[in-house]
Amino acid sequence: MDSIPGAGGARLHISFRTTCGREIQIGHLALGGGRHPAQRVSLDIGASPGGGTGTWAGLTVAEARRLAEALLTQAAACAPRRAAGSGSLEAAPGSGGPDHSSRTG
């Protein structure tokens, strides 16, 4: 899938499918010609299998780092963690972990 405008200039391309079936693509874009093209990180979130539309964004280095930090922060909040000294897993607060008490829907 090459739906990201300018993706032909991508040097590195990472792609994976989410559990709900969306294709996520991350790449490197060099936009514009000349000796100093604008460098961007491309993010393409494909349409869900049941319909709808996908979207993409060209992020600056700073924006890509902010997104990465936000994703890692949220992933850490959702990940189960070990209870101190017990070796058993417990859910992070608000993660909807093993007891599912935080789940909605």
PDB file of N, CA and C in Angstrom:
ATOM      1  N   MET A   1       0.853  -1.164   0.000  1.00  0.00           N
ATOM      2  CA  MET A   1       0.000   0.000   0.000  1.00  0.00           C
ATOM      3  C   MET A   1       0.899   1.227   0.000  1.00  0.00           C
ATOM      4  N   ASP A   2       0.737   2.082  -0.973  1.00  0.00           N
ATOM      5  CA  ASP A   2       1.591   3.252  -1.102  1.00  0.00           C
ATOM      6  C   ASP A   2       0.710   4.492  -1.186  1.00  0.00           C
ATOM      7  N   SER A   3      -0.146   4.694  -0.157  1.00  0.00           N
ATOM      8  CA  SER A   3      -1.106   5.791  -0.188  1.00  0.00           C
ATOM      9  C   SER A   3      -0.558   7.087   0.373  1.00  0.00           C
ATOM     10  N   ILE A   4       0.646   7.071   0.923  1.00  0.00           N
ATOM     11  CA  ILE A   4       1.215   8.269   1.506  1.00  0.00           C
ATOM     12  C   ILE A   4       1.834   9.106   0.396  1.00  0.00           C
ATOM     13  N   PRO A   5       1.357  10.344   0.199  1.00  0.00           N
ATOM     14  CA  PRO A   5       1.957  11.182  -0.832  1.00  0.00           C
ATOM     15  C   PRO A   5       3.456  11.338  -0.604  1.00  0.00           C
ATOM     16  N   GLY A   6       4.227  11.180  -1.647  1.00  0.00           N
ATOM     17  CA  GLY A   6       5.668  11.329  -1.550  1.00  0.00           C
ATOM     18  C   GLY A   6       6.383  10.129  -0.979  1.00  0.00           C
ATOM     19  N   ALA A   7       5.668   9.019  -0.736  1.00  0.00           N
ATOM     20  CA  ALA A   7       6.271   7.858  -0.091  1.00  0.00           C
ATOM     21  C   ALA A   7       7.333   7.201  -0.952  1.00  0.00           C
ATOM     22  N   GLY A   8       7.391   7.542  -2.218  1.00  0.00           N
ATOM     23  CA  GLY A   8       8.429   6.986  -3.064  1.00  0.00           C
ATOM     24  C   GLY A   8       9.821   7.350  -2.586  1.00  0.00           C
ATOM     25  N   GLY A   9       9.948   8.433  -1.797  1.00  0.00           N
ATOM     26  CA  GLY A   9      11.241   8.853  -1.279  1.00  0.00           C
ATOM     27  C   GLY A   9      11.560   8.272   0.088  1.00  0.00           C
ATOM     28  N   ALA A  10      10.721   7.350   0.560  1.00  0.00           N
ATOM     29  CA  ALA A  10      10.935   6.791   1.890  1.00  0.00           C
ATOM     30  C   ALA A  10      12.168   5.899   1.909  1.00  0.00           C
ATOM     31  N   ARG A  11      13.030   6.102   2.899  1.00  0.00           N
ATOM     32  CA  ARG A  11      14.222   5.270   3.074  1.00  0.00           C
ATOM     33  C   ARG A  11      13.926   4.076   3.962  1.00  0.00           C
ATOM     34  N   LEU A  12      13.099   4.252   4.949  1.00  0.00           N
ATOM     35  CA  LEU A  12      12.764   3.212   5.906  1.00  0.00           C
ATOM     36  C   LEU A  12      11.253   3.141   5.983  1.00  0.00           C
ATOM     37  N   HIS A  13      10.749   1.926   5.968  1.00  0.00           N
ATOM     38  CA  HIS A  13       9.304   1.748   5.987  1.00  0.00           C
ATOM     39  C   HIS A  13       8.971   0.628   6.962  1.00  0.00           C
ATOM     40  N   ILE A  14       8.117   0.904   7.932  1.00  0.00           N
ATOM     41  CA  ILE A  14       7.676  -0.087   8.901  1.00  0.00           C
ATOM     42  C   ILE A  14       6.170  -0.190   8.775  1.00  0.00           C
ATOM     43  N   SER A  15       5.670  -1.415   8.755  1.00  0.00           N
ATOM     44  CA  SER A  15       4.253  -1.618   8.575  1.00  0.00           C
ATOM     45  C   SER A  15       3.779  -2.766   9.463  1.00  0.00           C
ATOM     46  N   PHE A  16       2.592  -2.623  10.033  1.00  0.00           N
ATOM     47  CA  PHE A  16       1.987  -3.719  10.790  1.00  0.00           C
ATOM     48  C   PHE A  16       0.475  -3.557  10.770  1.00  0.00           C
ATOM     49  N   ARG A  17      -0.221  -4.639  11.086  1.00  0.00           N
ATOM     50  CA  ARG A  17      -1.677  -4.643  11.118  1.00  0.00           C
ATOM     51  C   ARG A  17      -2.137  -4.708  12.571  1.00  0.00           C
ATOM     52  N   THR A  18      -3.103  -3.864  12.923  1.00  0.00           N
ATOM     53  CA  THR A  18      -3.644  -3.868  14.274  1.00  0.00           C
ATOM     54  C   THR A  18      -4.590  -5.048  14.452  1.00  0.00           C
ATOM     55  N   THR A  19      -4.956  -5.340  15.700  1.00  0.00           N
ATOM     56  CA  THR A  19      -5.881  -6.441  15.948  1.00  0.00           C
ATOM     57  C   THR A  19      -7.260  -6.169  15.352  1.00  0.00           C
ATOM     58  N   CYS A  20      -7.606  -4.903  15.129  1.00  0.00           N
ATOM     59  CA  CYS A  20      -8.894  -4.601  14.497  1.00  0.00           C
ATOM     60  C   CYS A  20      -8.780  -4.542  12.976  1.00  0.00           C
ATOM     61  N   GLY A  21      -7.585  -4.821  12.435  1.00  0.00           N
ATOM     62  CA  GLY A  21      -7.426  -4.947  10.996  1.00  0.00           C
ATOM     63  C   GLY A  21      -6.928  -3.730  10.248  1.00  0.00           C
ATOM     64  N   ARG A  22      -6.618  -2.666  10.937  1.00  0.00           N
ATOM     65  CA  ARG A  22      -6.082  -1.480  10.245  1.00  0.00           C
ATOM     66  C   ARG A  22      -4.596  -1.662   9.968  1.00  0.00           C
ATOM     67  N   GLU A  23      -4.172  -1.224   8.818  1.00  0.00           N
ATOM     68  CA  GLU A  23      -2.759  -1.253   8.447  1.00  0.00           C
ATOM     69  C   GLU A  23      -2.127   0.067   8.890  1.00  0.00           C
ATOM     70  N   ILE A  24      -1.071  -0.028   9.694  1.00  0.00           N
ATOM     71  CA  ILE A  24      -0.327   1.144  10.154  1.00  0.00           C
ATOM     72  C   ILE A  24       1.010   1.150   9.421  1.00  0.00           C
ATOM     73  N   GLN A  25       1.342   2.263   8.788  1.00  0.00           N
ATOM     74  CA  GLN A  25       2.615   2.400   8.086  1.00  0.00           C
ATOM     75  C   GLN A  25       3.341   3.633   8.587  1.00  0.00           C
ATOM     76  N   ILE A  26       4.624   3.455   8.858  1.00  0.00           N
ATOM     77  CA  ILE A  26       5.472   4.561   9.289  1.00  0.00           C
ATOM     78  C   ILE A  26       6.654   4.614   8.339  1.00  0.00           C
ATOM     79  N   GLY A  27       6.965   5.784   7.848  1.00  0.00           N
ATOM     80  CA  GLY A  27       8.060   5.906   6.895  1.00  0.00           C
ATOM     81  C   GLY A  27       8.802   7.223   7.042  1.00  0.00           C
ATOM     82  N   HIS A  28       9.805   7.378   6.224  1.00  0.00           N
ATOM     83  CA  HIS A  28      10.618   8.594   6.189  1.00  0.00           C
ATOM     84  C   HIS A  28      10.382   9.257   4.848  1.00  0.00           C
ATOM     85  N   LEU A  29       9.999  10.506   4.860  1.00  0.00           N
ATOM     86  CA  LEU A  29       9.756  11.248   3.630  1.00  0.00           C
ATOM     87  C   LEU A  29      10.799  12.336   3.458  1.00  0.00           C
ATOM     88  N   ALA A  30      11.232  12.512   2.244  1.00  0.00           N
ATOM     89  CA  ALA A  30      12.075  13.645   1.872  1.00  0.00           C
ATOM     90  C   ALA A  30      11.263  14.437   0.853  1.00  0.00           C
ATOM     91  N   LEU A  31      10.683  15.544   1.286  1.00  0.00           N
ATOM     92  CA  LEU A  31       9.789  16.327   0.442  1.00  0.00           C
ATOM     93  C   LEU A  31      10.529  17.482  -0.221  1.00  0.00           C
ATOM     94  N   GLY A  32      10.239  17.684  -1.472  1.00  0.00           N
ATOM     95  CA  GLY A  32      10.846  18.783  -2.208  1.00  0.00           C
ATOM     96  C   GLY A  32      12.170  18.366  -2.828  1.00  0.00           C
ATOM     97  N   GLY A  33      12.584  19.106  -3.777  1.00  0.00           N
ATOM     98  CA  GLY A  33      13.836  18.805  -4.452  1.00  0.00           C
ATOM     99  C   GLY A  33      14.982  19.611  -3.872  1.00  0.00           C
ATOM    100  N   GLY A  34      16.033  19.608  -4.606  1.00  0.00           N
ATOM    101  CA  GLY A  34      17.177  20.400  -4.192  1.00  0.00           C
ATOM    102  C   GLY A  34      18.085  19.677  -3.224  1.00  0.00           C
ATOM    103  N   ARG A  35      19.017  20.429  -2.694  1.00  0.00           N
ATOM    104  CA  ARG A  35      20.020  19.847  -1.811  1.00  0.00           C
ATOM    105  C   ARG A  35      19.521  19.627  -0.392  1.00  0.00           C
ATOM    106  N   HIS A  36      18.469  20.347   0.028  1.00  0.00           N
ATOM    107  CA  HIS A  36      17.982  20.250   1.403  1.00  0.00           C
ATOM    108  C   HIS A  36      16.467  20.028   1.434  1.00  0.00           C
ATOM    109  N   PRO A  37      16.015  18.824   1.069  1.00  0.00           N
ATOM    110  CA  PRO A  37      14.568  18.572   1.101  1.00  0.00           C
ATOM    111  C   PRO A  37      14.051  18.549   2.543  1.00  0.00           C
ATOM    112  N   ALA A  38      12.784  18.838   2.709  1.00  0.00           N
ATOM    113  CA  ALA A  38      12.158  18.794   4.035  1.00  0.00           C
ATOM    114  C   ALA A  38      12.050  17.338   4.472  1.00  0.00           C
ATOM    115  N   GLN A  39      12.532  17.045   5.655  1.00  0.00           N
ATOM    116  CA  GLN A  39      12.498  15.686   6.192  1.00  0.00           C
ATOM    117  C   GLN A  39      11.266  15.531   7.072  1.00  0.00           C
ATOM    118  N   ARG A  40      10.496  14.491   6.823  1.00  0.00           N
ATOM    119  CA  ARG A  40       9.291  14.226   7.602  1.00  0.00           C
ATOM    120  C   ARG A  40       9.198  12.743   7.924  1.00  0.00           C
ATOM    121  N   VAL A  41       8.491  12.441   9.011  1.00  0.00           N
ATOM    122  CA  VAL A  41       8.120  11.069   9.352  1.00  0.00           C
ATOM    123  C   VAL A  41       6.673  10.923   8.901  1.00  0.00           C
ATOM    124  N   SER A  42       6.417   9.924   8.082  1.00  0.00           N
ATOM    125  CA  SER A  42       5.051   9.722   7.596  1.00  0.00           C
ATOM    126  C   SER A  42       4.345   8.697   8.466  1.00  0.00           C
ATOM    127  N   LEU A  43       3.081   8.946   8.715  1.00  0.00           N
ATOM    128  CA  LEU A  43       2.233   8.046   9.482  1.00  0.00           C
ATOM    129  C   LEU A  43       0.954   7.844   8.682  1.00  0.00           C
ATOM    130  N   ASP A  44       0.705   6.603   8.316  1.00  0.00           N
ATOM    131  CA  ASP A  44      -0.494   6.270   7.545  1.00  0.00           C
ATOM    132  C   ASP A  44      -1.299   5.266   8.348  1.00  0.00           C
ATOM    133  N   ILE A  45      -2.540   5.615   8.654  1.00  0.00           N
ATOM    134  CA  ILE A  45      -3.449   4.714   9.356  1.00  0.00           C
ATOM    135  C   ILE A  45      -4.533   4.341   8.359  1.00  0.00           C
ATOM    136  N   GLY A  46      -4.510   3.083   7.941  1.00  0.00           N
ATOM    137  CA  GLY A  46      -5.429   2.614   6.921  1.00  0.00           C
ATOM    138  C   GLY A  46      -6.863   2.530   7.413  1.00  0.00           C
ATOM    139  N   ALA A  47      -7.760   2.390   6.469  1.00  0.00           N
ATOM    140  CA  ALA A  47      -9.183   2.269   6.772  1.00  0.00           C
ATOM    141  C   ALA A  47      -9.451   0.962   7.503  1.00  0.00           C
ATOM    142  N   SER A  48     -10.494   0.956   8.316  1.00  0.00           N
ATOM    143  CA  SER A  48     -10.879  -0.280   8.995  1.00  0.00           C
ATOM    144  C   SER A  48     -11.498  -1.223   7.974  1.00  0.00           C
ATOM    145  N   PRO A  49     -11.369  -2.534   8.191  1.00  0.00           N
ATOM    146  CA  PRO A  49     -11.882  -3.498   7.221  1.00  0.00           C
ATOM    147  C   PRO A  49     -13.377  -3.358   6.955  1.00  0.00           C
ATOM    148  N   GLY A  50     -14.141  -2.868   7.926  1.00  0.00           N
ATOM    149  CA  GLY A  50     -15.578  -2.728   7.760  1.00  0.00           C
ATOM    150  C   GLY A  50     -16.000  -1.479   7.005  1.00  0.00           C
ATOM    151  N   GLY A  51     -15.062  -0.701   6.537  1.00  0.00           N
ATOM    152  CA  GLY A  51     -15.386   0.530   5.834  1.00  0.00           C
ATOM    153  C   GLY A  51     -14.749   1.724   6.506  1.00  0.00           C
ATOM    154  N   GLY A  52     -15.181   2.876   6.111  1.00  0.00           N
ATOM    155  CA  GLY A  52     -14.600   4.091   6.664  1.00  0.00           C
ATOM    156  C   GLY A  52     -13.382   4.507   5.861  1.00  0.00           C
ATOM    157  N   THR A  53     -12.708   5.502   6.373  1.00  0.00           N
ATOM    158  CA  THR A  53     -11.549   6.023   5.667  1.00  0.00           C
ATOM    159  C   THR A  53     -10.319   5.959   6.551  1.00  0.00           C
ATOM    160  N   GLY A  54      -9.189   5.978   5.930  1.00  0.00           N
ATOM    161  CA  GLY A  54      -7.925   6.061   6.645  1.00  0.00           C
ATOM    162  C   GLY A  54      -7.460   7.505   6.647  1.00  0.00           C
ATOM    163  N   THR A  55      -6.291   7.719   7.221  1.00  0.00           N
ATOM    164  CA  THR A  55      -5.724   9.056   7.246  1.00  0.00           C
ATOM    165  C   THR A  55      -4.211   8.966   7.272  1.00  0.00           C
ATOM    166  N   TRP A  56      -3.547  10.050   6.988  1.00  0.00           N
ATOM    167  CA  TRP A  56      -2.085  10.070   7.050  1.00  0.00           C
ATOM    168  C   TRP A  56      -1.635  11.446   7.532  1.00  0.00           C
ATOM    169  N   ALA A  57      -0.404  11.502   8.004  1.00  0.00           N
ATOM    170  CA  ALA A  57       0.185  12.763   8.433  1.00  0.00           C
ATOM    171  C   ALA A  57       1.669  12.744   8.133  1.00  0.00           C
ATOM    172  N   GLY A  58       2.210  13.897   7.798  1.00  0.00           N
ATOM    173  CA  GLY A  58       3.646  14.086   7.656  1.00  0.00           C
ATOM    174  C   GLY A  58       4.119  14.890   8.856  1.00  0.00           C
ATOM    175  N   LEU A  59       4.889  14.267   9.735  1.00  0.00           N
ATOM    176  CA  LEU A  59       5.281  14.887  10.997  1.00  0.00           C
ATOM    177  C   LEU A  59       6.725  15.371  10.960  1.00  0.00           C
ATOM    178  N   THR A  60       6.969  16.500  11.592  1.00  0.00           N
ATOM    179  CA  THR A  60       8.357  16.942  11.766  1.00  0.00           C
ATOM    180  C   THR A  60       9.024  15.997  12.758  1.00  0.00           C
ATOM    181  N   VAL A  61      10.329  16.098  12.881  1.00  0.00           N
ATOM    182  CA  VAL A  61      11.047  15.267  13.845  1.00  0.00           C
ATOM    183  C   VAL A  61      10.504  15.507  15.256  1.00  0.00           C
ATOM    184  N   ALA A  62      10.311  16.763  15.635  1.00  0.00           N
ATOM    185  CA  ALA A  62       9.807  17.080  16.975  1.00  0.00           C
ATOM    186  C   ALA A  62       8.404  16.515  17.181  1.00  0.00           C
ATOM    187  N   GLU A  63       7.539  16.638  16.182  1.00  0.00           N
ATOM    188  CA  GLU A  63       6.182  16.106  16.300  1.00  0.00           C
ATOM    189  C   GLU A  63       6.196  14.589  16.422  1.00  0.00           C
ATOM    190  N   ALA A  64       7.027  13.926  15.647  1.00  0.00           N
ATOM    191  CA  ALA A  64       7.129  12.466  15.707  1.00  0.00           C
ATOM    192  C   ALA A  64       7.617  12.011  17.081  1.00  0.00           C
ATOM    193  N   ARG A  65       8.561  12.735  17.650  1.00  0.00           N
ATOM    194  CA  ARG A  65       9.056  12.394  18.990  1.00  0.00           C
ATOM    195  C   ARG A  65       7.981  12.608  20.047  1.00  0.00           C
ATOM    196  N   ARG A  66       7.193  13.675  19.920  1.00  0.00           N
ATOM    197  CA  ARG A  66       6.092  13.910  20.865  1.00  0.00           C
ATOM    198  C   ARG A  66       5.053  12.811  20.768  1.00  0.00           C
ATOM    199  N   LEU A  67       4.731  12.385  19.540  1.00  0.00           N
ATOM    200  CA  LEU A  67       3.778  11.294  19.344  1.00  0.00           C
ATOM    201  C   LEU A  67       4.324  10.007  19.944  1.00  0.00           C
ATOM    202  N   ALA A  68       5.587   9.701  19.693  1.00  0.00           N
ATOM    203  CA  ALA A  68       6.202   8.486  20.241  1.00  0.00           C
ATOM    204  C   ALA A  68       6.149   8.502  21.766  1.00  0.00           C
ATOM    205  N   GLU A  69       6.480   9.639  22.375  1.00  0.00           N
ATOM    206  CA  GLU A  69       6.444   9.754  23.835  1.00  0.00           C
ATOM    207  C   GLU A  69       5.026   9.540  24.362  1.00  0.00           C
ATOM    208  N   ALA A  70       4.040  10.138  23.695  1.00  0.00           N
ATOM    209  CA  ALA A  70       2.648   9.987  24.121  1.00  0.00           C
ATOM    210  C   ALA A  70       2.193   8.535  23.998  1.00  0.00           C
ATOM    211  N   LEU A  71       2.558   7.873  22.909  1.00  0.00           N
ATOM    212  CA  LEU A  71       2.183   6.466  22.728  1.00  0.00           C
ATOM    213  C   LEU A  71       2.829   5.584  23.785  1.00  0.00           C
ATOM    214  N   LEU A  72       4.110   5.802  24.066  1.00  0.00           N
ATOM    215  CA  LEU A  72       4.800   5.011  25.085  1.00  0.00           C
ATOM    216  C   LEU A  72       4.206   5.249  26.473  1.00  0.00           C
ATOM    217  N   THR A  73       3.836   6.483  26.769  1.00  0.00           N
ATOM    218  CA  THR A  73       3.210   6.797  28.051  1.00  0.00           C
ATOM    219  C   THR A  73       1.889   6.063  28.195  1.00  0.00           C
ATOM    220  N   GLN A  74       1.070   6.094  27.148  1.00  0.00           N
ATOM    221  CA  GLN A  74      -0.228   5.411  27.197  1.00  0.00           C
ATOM    222  C   GLN A  74      -0.065   3.896  27.241  1.00  0.00           C
ATOM    223  N   ALA A  75       0.903   3.361  26.510  1.00  0.00           N
ATOM    224  CA  ALA A  75       1.155   1.919  26.531  1.00  0.00           C
ATOM    225  C   ALA A  75       1.584   1.479  27.927  1.00  0.00           C
ATOM    226  N   ALA A  76       2.431   2.268  28.578  1.00  0.00           N
ATOM    227  CA  ALA A  76       2.866   1.936  29.938  1.00  0.00           C
ATOM    228  C   ALA A  76       1.682   1.943  30.900  1.00  0.00           C
ATOM    229  N   ALA A  77       0.767   2.875  30.714  1.00  0.00           N
ATOM    230  CA  ALA A  77      -0.406   2.957  31.580  1.00  0.00           C
ATOM    231  C   ALA A  77      -1.345   1.774  31.372  1.00  0.00           C
ATOM    232  N   CYS A  78      -1.345   1.208  30.174  1.00  0.00           N
ATOM    233  CA  CYS A  78      -2.228   0.085  29.859  1.00  0.00           C
ATOM    234  C   CYS A  78      -1.614  -1.274  30.176  1.00  0.00           C
ATOM    235  N   ALA A  79      -0.306  -1.339  30.282  1.00  0.00           N
ATOM    236  CA  ALA A  79       0.379  -2.619  30.462  1.00  0.00           C
ATOM    237  C   ALA A  79       0.231  -3.120  31.891  1.00  0.00           C
ATOM    238  N   PRO A  80       0.032  -4.432  32.046  1.00  0.00           N
ATOM    239  CA  PRO A  80       0.023  -4.980  33.406  1.00  0.00           C
ATOM    240  C   PRO A  80       1.410  -4.839  34.023  1.00  0.00           C
ATOM    241  N   ARG A  81       1.471  -4.681  35.305  1.00  0.00           N
ATOM    242  CA  ARG A  81       2.773  -4.588  35.968  1.00  0.00           C
ATOM    243  C   ARG A  81       2.802  -5.583  37.118  1.00  0.00           C
ATOM    244  N   ARG A  82       3.984  -5.940  37.528  1.00  0.00           N
ATOM    245  CA  ARG A  82       4.168  -6.927  38.598  1.00  0.00           C
ATOM    246  C   ARG A  82       3.906  -6.277  39.950  1.00  0.00           C
ATOM    247  N   ALA A  83       3.147  -6.966  40.792  1.00  0.00           N
ATOM    248  CA  ALA A  83       2.923  -6.499  42.161  1.00  0.00           C
ATOM    249  C   ALA A  83       4.236  -6.652  42.921  1.00  0.00           C
ATOM    250  N   ALA A  84       4.555  -5.691  43.737  1.00  0.00           N
ATOM    251  CA  ALA A  84       5.828  -5.687  44.464  1.00  0.00           C
ATOM    252  C   ALA A  84       6.006  -6.967  45.267  1.00  0.00           C
ATOM    253  N   GLY A  85       7.061  -7.719  44.961  1.00  0.00           N
ATOM    254  CA  GLY A  85       7.441  -8.903  45.707  1.00  0.00           C
ATOM    255  C   GLY A  85       6.586 -10.134  45.492  1.00  0.00           C
ATOM    256  N   SER A  86       5.466 -10.030  44.798  1.00  0.00           N
ATOM    257  CA  SER A  86       4.580 -11.187  44.673  1.00  0.00           C
ATOM    258  C   SER A  86       4.804 -11.983  43.403  1.00  0.00           C
ATOM    259  N   GLY A  87       5.371 -11.358  42.394  1.00  0.00           N
ATOM    260  CA  GLY A  87       5.539 -12.045  41.116  1.00  0.00           C
ATOM    261  C   GLY A  87       4.247 -12.153  40.328  1.00  0.00           C
ATOM    262  N   SER A  88       3.129 -11.683  40.893  1.00  0.00           N
ATOM    263  CA  SER A  88       1.873 -11.743  40.152  1.00  0.00           C
ATOM    264  C   SER A  88       1.633 -10.418  39.441  1.00  0.00           C
ATOM    265  N   LEU A  89       0.811 -10.489  38.416  1.00  0.00           N
ATOM    266  CA  LEU A  89       0.526  -9.302  37.617  1.00  0.00           C
ATOM    267  C   LEU A  89      -0.664  -8.556  38.183  1.00  0.00           C
ATOM    268  N   GLU A  90      -0.600  -7.240  38.103  1.00  0.00           N
ATOM    269  CA  GLU A  90      -1.750  -6.407  38.440  1.00  0.00           C
ATOM    270  C   GLU A  90      -1.902  -5.384  37.335  1.00  0.00           C
ATOM    271  N   ALA A  91      -3.087  -4.870  37.170  1.00  0.00           N
ATOM    272  CA  ALA A  91      -3.342  -3.894  36.110  1.00  0.00           C
ATOM    273  C   ALA A  91      -2.886  -2.525  36.554  1.00  0.00           C
ATOM    274  N   ALA A  92      -2.447  -1.731  35.584  1.00  0.00           N
ATOM    275  CA  ALA A  92      -2.162  -0.330  35.854  1.00  0.00           C
ATOM    276  C   ALA A  92      -3.486   0.368  36.125  1.00  0.00           C
ATOM    277  N   PRO A  93      -3.513   1.375  36.996  1.00  0.00           N
ATOM    278  CA  PRO A  93      -4.769   2.085  37.287  1.00  0.00           C
ATOM    279  C   PRO A  93      -5.436   2.583  36.007  1.00  0.00           C
ATOM    280  N   GLY A  94      -6.725   2.302  35.876  1.00  0.00           N
ATOM    281  CA  GLY A  94      -7.493   2.777  34.727  1.00  0.00           C
ATOM    282  C   GLY A  94      -7.227   2.041  33.441  1.00  0.00           C
ATOM    283  N   SER A  95      -6.508   0.914  33.504  1.00  0.00           N
ATOM    284  CA  SER A  95      -6.136   0.226  32.267  1.00  0.00           C
ATOM    285  C   SER A  95      -7.161  -0.776  31.798  1.00  0.00           C
ATOM    286  N   GLY A  96      -8.165  -1.075  32.631  1.00  0.00           N
ATOM    287  CA  GLY A  96      -9.110  -2.116  32.248  1.00  0.00           C
ATOM    288  C   GLY A  96      -8.437  -3.470  32.277  1.00  0.00           C
ATOM    289  N   GLY A  97      -7.505  -3.650  33.194  1.00  0.00           N
ATOM    290  CA  GLY A  97      -6.690  -4.853  33.288  1.00  0.00           C
ATOM    291  C   GLY A  97      -7.484  -6.080  33.667  1.00  0.00           C
ATOM    292  N   PRO A  98      -6.879  -7.025  34.373  1.00  0.00           N
ATOM    293  CA  PRO A  98      -7.470  -8.330  34.598  1.00  0.00           C
ATOM    294  C   PRO A  98      -8.883  -8.328  35.145  1.00  0.00           C
ATOM    295  N   ASP A  99      -9.253  -7.395  36.019  1.00  0.00           N
ATOM    296  CA  ASP A  99     -10.628  -7.432  36.545  1.00  0.00           C
ATOM    297  C   ASP A  99     -11.613  -6.732  35.623  1.00  0.00           C
ATOM    298  N   HIS A 100     -11.141  -6.056  34.607  1.00  0.00           N
ATOM    299  CA  HIS A 100     -11.959  -5.383  33.585  1.00  0.00           C
ATOM    300  C   HIS A 100     -12.898  -4.337  34.175  1.00  0.00           C
ATOM    301  N   SER A 101     -12.635  -3.881  35.387  1.00  0.00           N
ATOM    302  CA  SER A 101     -13.547  -2.939  36.039  1.00  0.00           C
ATOM    303  C   SER A 101     -13.556  -1.575  35.372  1.00  0.00           C
ATOM    304  N   SER A 102     -12.537  -1.249  34.584  1.00  0.00           N
ATOM    305  CA  SER A 102     -12.484   0.065  33.950  1.00  0.00           C
ATOM    306  C   SER A 102     -13.025   0.045  32.531  1.00  0.00           C
ATOM    307  N   ARG A 103     -13.436  -1.098  32.053  1.00  0.00           N
ATOM    308  CA  ARG A 103     -13.916  -1.194  30.678  1.00  0.00           C
ATOM    309  C   ARG A 103     -15.272  -0.558  30.523  1.00  0.00           C
ATOM    310  N   THR A 104     -15.480   0.011  29.349  1.00  0.00           N
ATOM    311  CA  THR A 104     -16.792   0.563  29.019  1.00  0.00           C
ATOM    312  C   THR A 104     -17.305  -0.147  27.789  1.00  0.00           C
ATOM    313  N   GLY A 105     -18.580  -0.023  27.540  1.00  0.00           N
ATOM    314  CA  GLY A 105     -19.106  -0.539  26.297  1.00  0.00           C
ATOM    315  C   GLY A 105     -19.700  -1.814  26.435  1.00  0.00           C
TER     316      GLY A 105
END
